[in-house]
N, C-alpha and C. Protein backbone atom coordinates (compact mmCIF):
# COMPACT_ATOMS: atom_id res chain seq x y z
N MET A 1 -59.35 -100.09 50.02
CA MET A 1 -60.72 -100.34 49.64
C MET A 1 -61.55 -100.78 50.84
N LYS A 2 -61.01 -101.71 51.65
CA LYS A 2 -61.73 -102.19 52.82
C LYS A 2 -61.93 -101.06 53.83
N ILE A 3 -60.92 -100.22 54.01
CA ILE A 3 -61.02 -99.11 54.96
C ILE A 3 -62.08 -98.13 54.47
N THR A 4 -62.13 -97.85 53.19
CA THR A 4 -63.12 -96.93 52.63
C THR A 4 -64.53 -97.47 52.87
N LYS A 5 -64.73 -98.78 52.66
CA LYS A 5 -66.04 -99.40 52.90
C LYS A 5 -66.41 -99.30 54.37
N MET A 6 -65.43 -99.56 55.25
CA MET A 6 -65.68 -99.52 56.67
C MET A 6 -66.05 -98.10 57.10
N ILE A 7 -65.35 -97.10 56.60
CA ILE A 7 -65.66 -95.71 56.94
C ILE A 7 -67.04 -95.34 56.43
N ALA A 8 -67.39 -95.79 55.24
CA ALA A 8 -68.71 -95.52 54.67
C ALA A 8 -69.80 -96.17 55.51
N THR A 9 -69.55 -97.38 55.96
CA THR A 9 -70.53 -98.09 56.80
C THR A 9 -70.72 -97.38 58.12
N VAL A 10 -69.62 -96.98 58.76
CA VAL A 10 -69.70 -96.26 60.04
C VAL A 10 -70.40 -94.93 59.84
N ALA A 11 -70.09 -94.21 58.79
CA ALA A 11 -70.72 -92.92 58.51
C ALA A 11 -72.22 -93.10 58.28
N THR A 12 -72.61 -94.14 57.56
CA THR A 12 -74.03 -94.40 57.30
C THR A 12 -74.75 -94.72 58.61
N ALA A 13 -74.15 -95.54 59.45
CA ALA A 13 -74.76 -95.89 60.73
C ALA A 13 -74.88 -94.66 61.62
N ALA A 14 -73.85 -93.84 61.65
CA ALA A 14 -73.88 -92.61 62.46
C ALA A 14 -74.97 -91.67 61.97
N PHE A 15 -75.13 -91.56 60.66
CA PHE A 15 -76.17 -90.71 60.09
C PHE A 15 -77.55 -91.23 60.47
N ALA A 16 -77.73 -92.54 60.46
CA ALA A 16 -79.02 -93.14 60.81
C ALA A 16 -79.37 -92.83 62.26
N VAL A 17 -78.40 -92.90 63.16
CA VAL A 17 -78.64 -92.61 64.57
C VAL A 17 -79.00 -91.14 64.74
N VAL A 18 -78.27 -90.25 64.07
CA VAL A 18 -78.55 -88.82 64.16
C VAL A 18 -79.93 -88.52 63.58
N ALA A 19 -80.28 -89.14 62.46
CA ALA A 19 -81.58 -88.92 61.84
C ALA A 19 -82.69 -89.40 62.77
N PHE A 20 -82.47 -90.55 63.43
CA PHE A 20 -83.47 -91.11 64.33
C PHE A 20 -83.69 -90.17 65.51
N ALA A 21 -82.65 -89.59 66.02
CA ALA A 21 -82.75 -88.71 67.18
C ALA A 21 -83.35 -87.35 66.82
N GLN A 22 -83.64 -87.11 65.57
CA GLN A 22 -84.22 -85.84 65.13
C GLN A 22 -85.74 -85.84 65.22
N LYS A 23 -86.35 -86.91 65.72
CA LYS A 23 -87.80 -87.00 65.82
C LYS A 23 -88.24 -86.75 67.26
N ASP A 24 -89.42 -86.13 67.40
CA ASP A 24 -89.98 -85.94 68.74
C ASP A 24 -90.57 -87.25 69.24
N ILE A 25 -91.10 -87.22 70.44
CA ILE A 25 -91.62 -88.44 71.06
C ILE A 25 -92.72 -89.09 70.22
N VAL A 26 -93.66 -88.29 69.75
CA VAL A 26 -94.77 -88.85 68.96
C VAL A 26 -94.26 -89.48 67.68
N ASP A 27 -93.43 -88.76 66.93
CA ASP A 27 -92.93 -89.30 65.66
C ASP A 27 -92.02 -90.50 65.87
N THR A 28 -91.27 -90.51 66.96
CA THR A 28 -90.43 -91.67 67.29
C THR A 28 -91.30 -92.89 67.56
N ALA A 29 -92.38 -92.70 68.32
CA ALA A 29 -93.30 -93.80 68.63
C ALA A 29 -93.99 -94.31 67.36
N VAL A 30 -94.44 -93.38 66.52
CA VAL A 30 -95.09 -93.78 65.27
C VAL A 30 -94.12 -94.56 64.40
N GLY A 31 -92.89 -94.06 64.28
CA GLY A 31 -91.88 -94.69 63.45
C GLY A 31 -91.46 -96.07 63.92
N ALA A 32 -91.59 -96.33 65.22
CA ALA A 32 -91.18 -97.63 65.78
C ALA A 32 -92.10 -98.76 65.32
N GLY A 33 -93.35 -98.45 65.04
CA GLY A 33 -94.28 -99.45 64.52
C GLY A 33 -94.91 -100.36 65.56
N GLN A 34 -94.50 -100.30 66.82
CA GLN A 34 -95.07 -101.18 67.84
C GLN A 34 -95.97 -100.44 68.83
N PHE A 35 -96.28 -99.18 68.50
CA PHE A 35 -97.10 -98.35 69.38
C PHE A 35 -98.33 -97.80 68.67
N LYS A 36 -98.91 -98.57 67.77
CA LYS A 36 -100.07 -98.09 67.00
C LYS A 36 -101.24 -97.75 67.91
N THR A 37 -101.51 -98.61 68.88
CA THR A 37 -102.63 -98.36 69.80
C THR A 37 -102.36 -97.12 70.64
N LEU A 38 -101.17 -97.03 71.19
CA LEU A 38 -100.81 -95.88 72.02
C LEU A 38 -100.94 -94.58 71.24
N THR A 39 -100.38 -94.53 70.04
CA THR A 39 -100.41 -93.28 69.28
C THR A 39 -101.84 -92.93 68.85
N ALA A 40 -102.66 -93.94 68.57
CA ALA A 40 -104.07 -93.68 68.22
C ALA A 40 -104.80 -93.09 69.43
N LEU A 41 -104.55 -93.65 70.62
CA LEU A 41 -105.21 -93.15 71.82
C LEU A 41 -104.71 -91.75 72.20
N VAL A 42 -103.43 -91.49 71.98
CA VAL A 42 -102.89 -90.15 72.22
C VAL A 42 -103.62 -89.14 71.33
N GLY A 43 -103.90 -89.54 70.10
CA GLY A 43 -104.67 -88.69 69.19
C GLY A 43 -106.09 -88.48 69.68
N GLU A 44 -106.74 -89.56 70.11
CA GLU A 44 -108.12 -89.49 70.64
C GLU A 44 -108.21 -88.55 71.85
N ALA A 45 -107.19 -88.58 72.69
CA ALA A 45 -107.18 -87.76 73.91
C ALA A 45 -106.78 -86.31 73.64
N GLY A 46 -106.33 -86.02 72.42
CA GLY A 46 -105.90 -84.67 72.10
C GLY A 46 -104.55 -84.29 72.69
N LEU A 47 -103.68 -85.30 72.87
CA LEU A 47 -102.37 -85.06 73.50
C LEU A 47 -101.21 -84.99 72.51
N VAL A 48 -101.49 -85.10 71.22
CA VAL A 48 -100.41 -85.13 70.23
C VAL A 48 -99.57 -83.86 70.28
N GLU A 49 -100.21 -82.72 70.22
CA GLU A 49 -99.45 -81.46 70.20
C GLU A 49 -98.64 -81.28 71.48
N THR A 50 -99.21 -81.68 72.61
CA THR A 50 -98.48 -81.59 73.88
C THR A 50 -97.21 -82.42 73.82
N LEU A 51 -97.34 -83.67 73.37
CA LEU A 51 -96.18 -84.57 73.34
C LEU A 51 -95.22 -84.27 72.19
N LYS A 52 -95.63 -83.39 71.29
CA LYS A 52 -94.72 -82.91 70.24
C LYS A 52 -94.06 -81.61 70.70
N GLY A 53 -94.48 -81.11 71.85
CA GLY A 53 -93.98 -79.85 72.38
C GLY A 53 -92.55 -79.93 72.87
N LYS A 54 -92.10 -78.82 73.43
CA LYS A 54 -90.70 -78.67 73.84
C LYS A 54 -90.25 -79.72 74.86
N GLY A 55 -91.10 -80.02 75.83
CA GLY A 55 -90.72 -81.00 76.86
C GLY A 55 -89.68 -80.42 77.79
N PRO A 56 -88.78 -81.23 78.29
CA PRO A 56 -88.63 -82.66 77.98
C PRO A 56 -89.64 -83.52 78.72
N PHE A 57 -89.96 -84.67 78.12
CA PHE A 57 -90.88 -85.63 78.68
C PHE A 57 -90.21 -87.00 78.76
N THR A 58 -90.60 -87.76 79.76
CA THR A 58 -90.24 -89.17 79.83
C THR A 58 -91.54 -89.92 79.67
N VAL A 59 -91.61 -90.77 78.65
CA VAL A 59 -92.84 -91.52 78.37
C VAL A 59 -92.58 -93.00 78.57
N PHE A 60 -93.44 -93.62 79.36
CA PHE A 60 -93.43 -95.08 79.54
C PHE A 60 -94.44 -95.60 78.54
N ALA A 61 -93.95 -96.13 77.42
CA ALA A 61 -94.79 -96.46 76.28
C ALA A 61 -95.15 -97.95 76.22
N PRO A 62 -96.43 -98.26 76.48
CA PRO A 62 -96.86 -99.65 76.34
C PRO A 62 -96.94 -100.04 74.86
N THR A 63 -96.48 -101.23 74.56
CA THR A 63 -96.54 -101.74 73.19
C THR A 63 -97.97 -102.13 72.83
N ASP A 64 -98.19 -102.43 71.56
CA ASP A 64 -99.49 -102.92 71.12
C ASP A 64 -99.85 -104.21 71.86
N LYS A 65 -98.85 -105.06 72.12
CA LYS A 65 -99.10 -106.30 72.87
C LYS A 65 -99.58 -105.99 74.29
N ALA A 66 -99.06 -104.93 74.88
CA ALA A 66 -99.48 -104.53 76.23
C ALA A 66 -100.96 -104.13 76.21
N PHE A 67 -101.35 -103.36 75.21
CA PHE A 67 -102.76 -102.95 75.11
C PHE A 67 -103.67 -104.16 74.83
N ALA A 68 -103.17 -105.13 74.10
CA ALA A 68 -103.96 -106.33 73.79
C ALA A 68 -104.28 -107.14 75.05
N LYS A 69 -103.50 -106.96 76.11
CA LYS A 69 -103.74 -107.68 77.37
C LYS A 69 -104.90 -107.07 78.17
N LEU A 70 -105.30 -105.84 77.84
CA LEU A 70 -106.39 -105.20 78.57
C LEU A 70 -107.73 -105.82 78.19
N PRO A 71 -108.65 -105.91 79.14
CA PRO A 71 -110.00 -106.37 78.79
C PRO A 71 -110.63 -105.41 77.77
N LYS A 72 -111.32 -105.96 76.79
CA LYS A 72 -111.95 -105.14 75.75
C LYS A 72 -112.90 -104.12 76.36
N SER A 73 -113.58 -104.51 77.43
CA SER A 73 -114.53 -103.60 78.07
C SER A 73 -113.81 -102.37 78.64
N LEU A 74 -112.60 -102.54 79.12
CA LEU A 74 -111.83 -101.40 79.64
C LEU A 74 -111.42 -100.48 78.50
N VAL A 75 -110.96 -101.05 77.41
CA VAL A 75 -110.58 -100.24 76.24
C VAL A 75 -111.80 -99.46 75.74
N ASP A 76 -112.95 -100.13 75.67
CA ASP A 76 -114.19 -99.46 75.24
C ASP A 76 -114.53 -98.30 76.18
N THR A 77 -114.38 -98.52 77.48
CA THR A 77 -114.65 -97.47 78.47
C THR A 77 -113.71 -96.29 78.26
N LEU A 78 -112.43 -96.57 78.04
CA LEU A 78 -111.46 -95.50 77.81
C LEU A 78 -111.80 -94.70 76.55
N MET A 79 -112.24 -95.41 75.51
CA MET A 79 -112.56 -94.73 74.24
C MET A 79 -113.79 -93.83 74.38
N LYS A 80 -114.68 -94.17 75.29
CA LYS A 80 -115.92 -93.39 75.48
C LYS A 80 -115.74 -92.24 76.46
N ASP A 81 -114.69 -92.27 77.27
CA ASP A 81 -114.51 -91.28 78.33
C ASP A 81 -113.15 -90.59 78.16
N LYS A 82 -113.16 -89.45 77.47
CA LYS A 82 -111.91 -88.74 77.16
C LYS A 82 -111.15 -88.33 78.42
N LYS A 83 -111.86 -87.95 79.47
CA LYS A 83 -111.21 -87.54 80.71
C LYS A 83 -110.47 -88.74 81.33
N LEU A 84 -111.11 -89.89 81.36
CA LEU A 84 -110.49 -91.10 81.90
C LEU A 84 -109.30 -91.52 81.03
N LEU A 85 -109.48 -91.48 79.71
CA LEU A 85 -108.40 -91.81 78.78
C LEU A 85 -107.19 -90.90 79.00
N THR A 86 -107.45 -89.62 79.12
CA THR A 86 -106.37 -88.65 79.35
C THR A 86 -105.66 -88.93 80.67
N SER A 87 -106.42 -89.28 81.69
CA SER A 87 -105.83 -89.61 82.99
C SER A 87 -104.91 -90.82 82.88
N VAL A 88 -105.35 -91.85 82.19
CA VAL A 88 -104.53 -93.06 82.02
C VAL A 88 -103.28 -92.74 81.21
N LEU A 89 -103.43 -92.01 80.12
CA LEU A 89 -102.27 -91.71 79.27
C LEU A 89 -101.26 -90.79 79.96
N THR A 90 -101.73 -89.79 80.67
CA THR A 90 -100.79 -88.86 81.32
C THR A 90 -100.12 -89.52 82.54
N TYR A 91 -100.67 -90.65 83.00
CA TYR A 91 -100.00 -91.43 84.05
C TYR A 91 -98.75 -92.11 83.49
N HIS A 92 -98.62 -92.16 82.18
CA HIS A 92 -97.45 -92.75 81.52
C HIS A 92 -96.37 -91.72 81.22
N VAL A 93 -96.54 -90.49 81.71
CA VAL A 93 -95.62 -89.39 81.38
C VAL A 93 -95.09 -88.72 82.65
N ILE A 94 -93.79 -88.47 82.65
CA ILE A 94 -93.14 -87.71 83.72
C ILE A 94 -92.52 -86.47 83.07
N ALA A 95 -92.71 -85.33 83.69
CA ALA A 95 -92.06 -84.11 83.19
C ALA A 95 -90.57 -84.23 83.46
N GLY A 96 -89.77 -83.98 82.44
CA GLY A 96 -88.32 -84.08 82.58
C GLY A 96 -87.77 -85.25 81.79
N ASN A 97 -86.47 -85.32 81.77
CA ASN A 97 -85.76 -86.34 81.00
C ASN A 97 -85.17 -87.36 81.98
N VAL A 98 -85.89 -88.45 82.22
CA VAL A 98 -85.46 -89.46 83.19
C VAL A 98 -84.86 -90.65 82.43
N MET A 99 -83.56 -90.76 82.50
CA MET A 99 -82.86 -91.86 81.83
C MET A 99 -82.83 -93.07 82.76
N SER A 100 -82.55 -94.24 82.21
CA SER A 100 -82.52 -95.46 83.02
C SER A 100 -81.48 -95.36 84.13
N THR A 101 -80.41 -94.62 83.90
CA THR A 101 -79.37 -94.47 84.92
C THR A 101 -79.84 -93.63 86.11
N ASP A 102 -80.96 -92.90 85.93
CA ASP A 102 -81.53 -92.09 87.01
C ASP A 102 -82.44 -92.89 87.93
N LEU A 103 -82.82 -94.09 87.50
CA LEU A 103 -83.77 -94.90 88.25
C LEU A 103 -83.12 -95.58 89.44
N LYS A 104 -83.82 -95.59 90.54
CA LYS A 104 -83.35 -96.24 91.77
C LYS A 104 -84.48 -97.09 92.32
N ASN A 105 -84.14 -98.21 92.94
CA ASN A 105 -85.14 -99.07 93.56
C ASN A 105 -85.90 -98.29 94.64
N GLY A 106 -87.21 -98.38 94.60
CA GLY A 106 -88.05 -97.68 95.58
C GLY A 106 -88.40 -96.25 95.20
N LEU A 107 -87.88 -95.78 94.06
CA LEU A 107 -88.17 -94.42 93.62
C LEU A 107 -89.67 -94.26 93.36
N LYS A 108 -90.23 -93.17 93.86
CA LYS A 108 -91.61 -92.81 93.56
C LYS A 108 -91.54 -91.60 92.65
N ALA A 109 -91.97 -91.77 91.43
CA ALA A 109 -91.90 -90.69 90.46
C ALA A 109 -93.29 -90.12 90.21
N LYS A 110 -93.43 -88.81 90.35
CA LYS A 110 -94.72 -88.16 90.14
C LYS A 110 -94.97 -88.00 88.64
N THR A 111 -96.12 -88.49 88.21
CA THR A 111 -96.47 -88.41 86.79
C THR A 111 -97.19 -87.11 86.49
N VAL A 112 -97.34 -86.81 85.21
CA VAL A 112 -98.08 -85.61 84.79
C VAL A 112 -99.53 -85.70 85.25
N GLN A 113 -100.06 -86.91 85.37
CA GLN A 113 -101.43 -87.13 85.82
C GLN A 113 -101.58 -86.75 87.29
N GLY A 114 -100.49 -86.79 88.06
CA GLY A 114 -100.51 -86.36 89.45
C GLY A 114 -100.22 -87.44 90.47
N GLU A 115 -100.40 -88.70 90.09
CA GLU A 115 -100.14 -89.79 91.02
C GLU A 115 -98.73 -90.34 90.79
N ASN A 116 -98.21 -91.03 91.79
CA ASN A 116 -96.86 -91.57 91.71
C ASN A 116 -96.80 -92.93 91.04
N LEU A 117 -95.68 -93.15 90.39
CA LEU A 117 -95.33 -94.43 89.81
C LEU A 117 -94.21 -95.00 90.68
N MET A 118 -94.27 -96.27 91.02
CA MET A 118 -93.24 -96.89 91.86
C MET A 118 -92.26 -97.66 90.99
N VAL A 119 -90.98 -97.40 91.20
CA VAL A 119 -89.92 -98.11 90.47
C VAL A 119 -89.37 -99.22 91.38
N THR A 120 -89.32 -100.43 90.83
CA THR A 120 -88.74 -101.57 91.55
C THR A 120 -87.64 -102.16 90.69
N ILE A 121 -86.46 -102.32 91.28
CA ILE A 121 -85.33 -102.90 90.56
C ILE A 121 -84.82 -104.09 91.37
N LYS A 122 -84.86 -105.26 90.73
CA LYS A 122 -84.33 -106.49 91.35
C LYS A 122 -83.41 -107.13 90.33
N GLY A 123 -82.12 -107.08 90.61
CA GLY A 123 -81.15 -107.60 89.64
C GLY A 123 -81.22 -106.79 88.37
N LYS A 124 -81.48 -107.46 87.25
CA LYS A 124 -81.60 -106.77 85.96
C LYS A 124 -83.04 -106.49 85.58
N THR A 125 -83.98 -106.81 86.48
CA THR A 125 -85.39 -106.60 86.21
C THR A 125 -85.83 -105.24 86.76
N VAL A 126 -86.43 -104.44 85.87
CA VAL A 126 -86.94 -103.12 86.26
C VAL A 126 -88.44 -103.12 86.02
N LYS A 127 -89.18 -102.67 87.03
CA LYS A 127 -90.63 -102.59 86.91
C LYS A 127 -91.10 -101.20 87.30
N PHE A 128 -92.15 -100.78 86.63
CA PHE A 128 -92.86 -99.54 86.96
C PHE A 128 -94.25 -100.01 87.38
N ASN A 129 -94.53 -99.96 88.67
CA ASN A 129 -95.70 -100.61 89.25
C ASN A 129 -95.63 -102.09 88.87
N LYS A 130 -96.56 -102.57 88.03
CA LYS A 130 -96.56 -103.99 87.65
C LYS A 130 -96.01 -104.21 86.24
N SER A 131 -95.61 -103.14 85.60
CA SER A 131 -95.17 -103.21 84.20
C SER A 131 -93.66 -103.38 84.09
N GLY A 132 -93.24 -104.34 83.28
CA GLY A 132 -91.82 -104.58 83.08
C GLY A 132 -91.23 -103.71 81.99
N LEU A 133 -89.97 -103.38 82.17
CA LEU A 133 -89.23 -102.59 81.18
C LEU A 133 -88.77 -103.51 80.05
N VAL A 134 -89.10 -103.15 78.83
CA VAL A 134 -88.72 -103.92 77.65
C VAL A 134 -87.48 -103.31 76.99
N ALA A 135 -87.46 -101.99 76.86
CA ALA A 135 -86.33 -101.27 76.27
C ALA A 135 -86.26 -99.89 76.92
N ALA A 136 -85.04 -99.44 77.19
CA ALA A 136 -84.85 -98.17 77.89
C ALA A 136 -84.13 -97.15 77.02
N ASP A 137 -84.35 -95.90 77.36
CA ASP A 137 -83.57 -94.78 76.81
C ASP A 137 -83.68 -94.62 75.30
N VAL A 138 -84.88 -94.72 74.76
CA VAL A 138 -85.09 -94.43 73.34
C VAL A 138 -85.19 -92.91 73.26
N LYS A 139 -84.15 -92.30 72.73
CA LYS A 139 -84.06 -90.83 72.75
C LYS A 139 -84.89 -90.19 71.65
N ALA A 140 -85.47 -89.05 71.99
CA ALA A 140 -86.21 -88.22 71.06
C ALA A 140 -85.74 -86.78 71.28
N THR A 141 -86.10 -85.90 70.37
CA THR A 141 -85.65 -84.52 70.49
C THR A 141 -86.23 -83.81 71.71
N ASN A 142 -87.37 -84.28 72.19
CA ASN A 142 -88.01 -83.61 73.33
C ASN A 142 -88.17 -84.54 74.54
N GLY A 143 -87.31 -85.54 74.63
CA GLY A 143 -87.37 -86.41 75.79
C GLY A 143 -86.89 -87.82 75.51
N VAL A 144 -87.44 -88.75 76.27
CA VAL A 144 -87.00 -90.14 76.18
C VAL A 144 -88.21 -91.07 76.35
N ILE A 145 -88.13 -92.21 75.70
CA ILE A 145 -89.17 -93.24 75.80
C ILE A 145 -88.56 -94.47 76.45
N HIS A 146 -89.32 -95.05 77.39
CA HIS A 146 -88.99 -96.36 77.95
C HIS A 146 -90.13 -97.27 77.54
N VAL A 147 -89.84 -98.36 76.87
CA VAL A 147 -90.85 -99.29 76.38
C VAL A 147 -91.24 -100.24 77.50
N ILE A 148 -92.55 -100.39 77.72
CA ILE A 148 -93.04 -101.26 78.81
C ILE A 148 -94.02 -102.31 78.27
N ASP A 149 -94.20 -103.38 79.06
CA ASP A 149 -94.99 -104.53 78.59
C ASP A 149 -96.42 -104.58 79.11
N THR A 150 -96.82 -103.62 79.92
CA THR A 150 -98.16 -103.60 80.49
C THR A 150 -98.63 -102.15 80.58
N VAL A 151 -99.89 -101.92 80.28
CA VAL A 151 -100.45 -100.58 80.40
C VAL A 151 -100.55 -100.23 81.89
N LEU A 152 -100.07 -99.04 82.23
CA LEU A 152 -100.12 -98.56 83.61
C LEU A 152 -101.49 -97.93 83.89
N LEU A 153 -102.08 -98.29 85.00
CA LEU A 153 -103.32 -97.65 85.42
C LEU A 153 -103.04 -96.89 86.71
N PRO A 154 -103.47 -95.62 86.79
CA PRO A 154 -103.27 -94.87 88.02
C PRO A 154 -103.92 -95.62 89.19
N PRO A 155 -103.29 -95.59 90.36
CA PRO A 155 -103.84 -96.30 91.52
C PRO A 155 -105.30 -95.94 91.82
N SER A 156 -105.67 -94.68 91.68
CA SER A 156 -107.06 -94.28 91.95
C SER A 156 -108.03 -94.95 90.98
N ILE A 157 -107.63 -95.11 89.75
CA ILE A 157 -108.49 -95.76 88.75
C ILE A 157 -108.52 -97.27 88.98
N GLU A 158 -107.36 -97.84 89.30
CA GLU A 158 -107.30 -99.28 89.61
C GLU A 158 -108.22 -99.61 90.79
N LYS A 159 -108.18 -98.77 91.81
CA LYS A 159 -109.00 -98.97 93.00
C LYS A 159 -110.48 -98.90 92.63
N ALA A 160 -110.84 -97.91 91.83
CA ALA A 160 -112.25 -97.75 91.42
C ALA A 160 -112.71 -98.96 90.58
N LEU A 161 -111.84 -99.42 89.70
CA LEU A 161 -112.18 -100.56 88.85
C LEU A 161 -112.27 -101.87 89.64
N ALA A 162 -111.46 -101.97 90.69
CA ALA A 162 -111.47 -103.19 91.51
C ALA A 162 -112.81 -103.37 92.20
N GLY A 163 -113.49 -102.28 92.46
CA GLY A 163 -114.79 -102.34 93.12
C GLY A 163 -115.92 -102.72 92.18
N LYS A 164 -115.64 -102.74 90.90
CA LYS A 164 -116.65 -103.10 89.90
C LYS A 164 -116.35 -104.48 89.36
N SER A 165 -117.38 -105.24 89.13
CA SER A 165 -117.16 -106.60 88.60
C SER A 165 -116.89 -106.54 87.10
N LYS A 166 -117.35 -105.47 86.45
CA LYS A 166 -117.19 -105.34 85.00
C LYS A 166 -116.75 -103.91 84.68
N TYR A 167 -115.81 -103.76 83.77
CA TYR A 167 -115.37 -102.41 83.39
C TYR A 167 -116.45 -101.77 82.59
């Protein structure tokens, strides 16, 4: 009886993992529940179909808490400027399937937006520019998601914003 229960439990857990891995990047992010802002902005930018596509894609996904750290004026600016929003969002995407085991300290990874993201690894701490890694290797049918704690801004946009006193 105990062995039957144990086998049933293992089979149920295995089924749940397989079912979870059957979702694409967008559906995986929506299902996680902590990426409401990100998925809404992906919709605003018209990137849903792209990120539901074949891929593979590696997405550095900022949580809702990460977006809450942004100044409201910057979020408002992004919402009003689709080109700028698309640039910021595509800076969170790398073409290909980059797992955490592929990351090396000092790695410069070219994003879909065109600018590089810098990987820094010190001990068990992994950063992408200034953003810390919260969870790695969330698999989807068309790529992988790495959860991050800060929204990434392309260096060109950061530089432009630094010159302005107000977003």
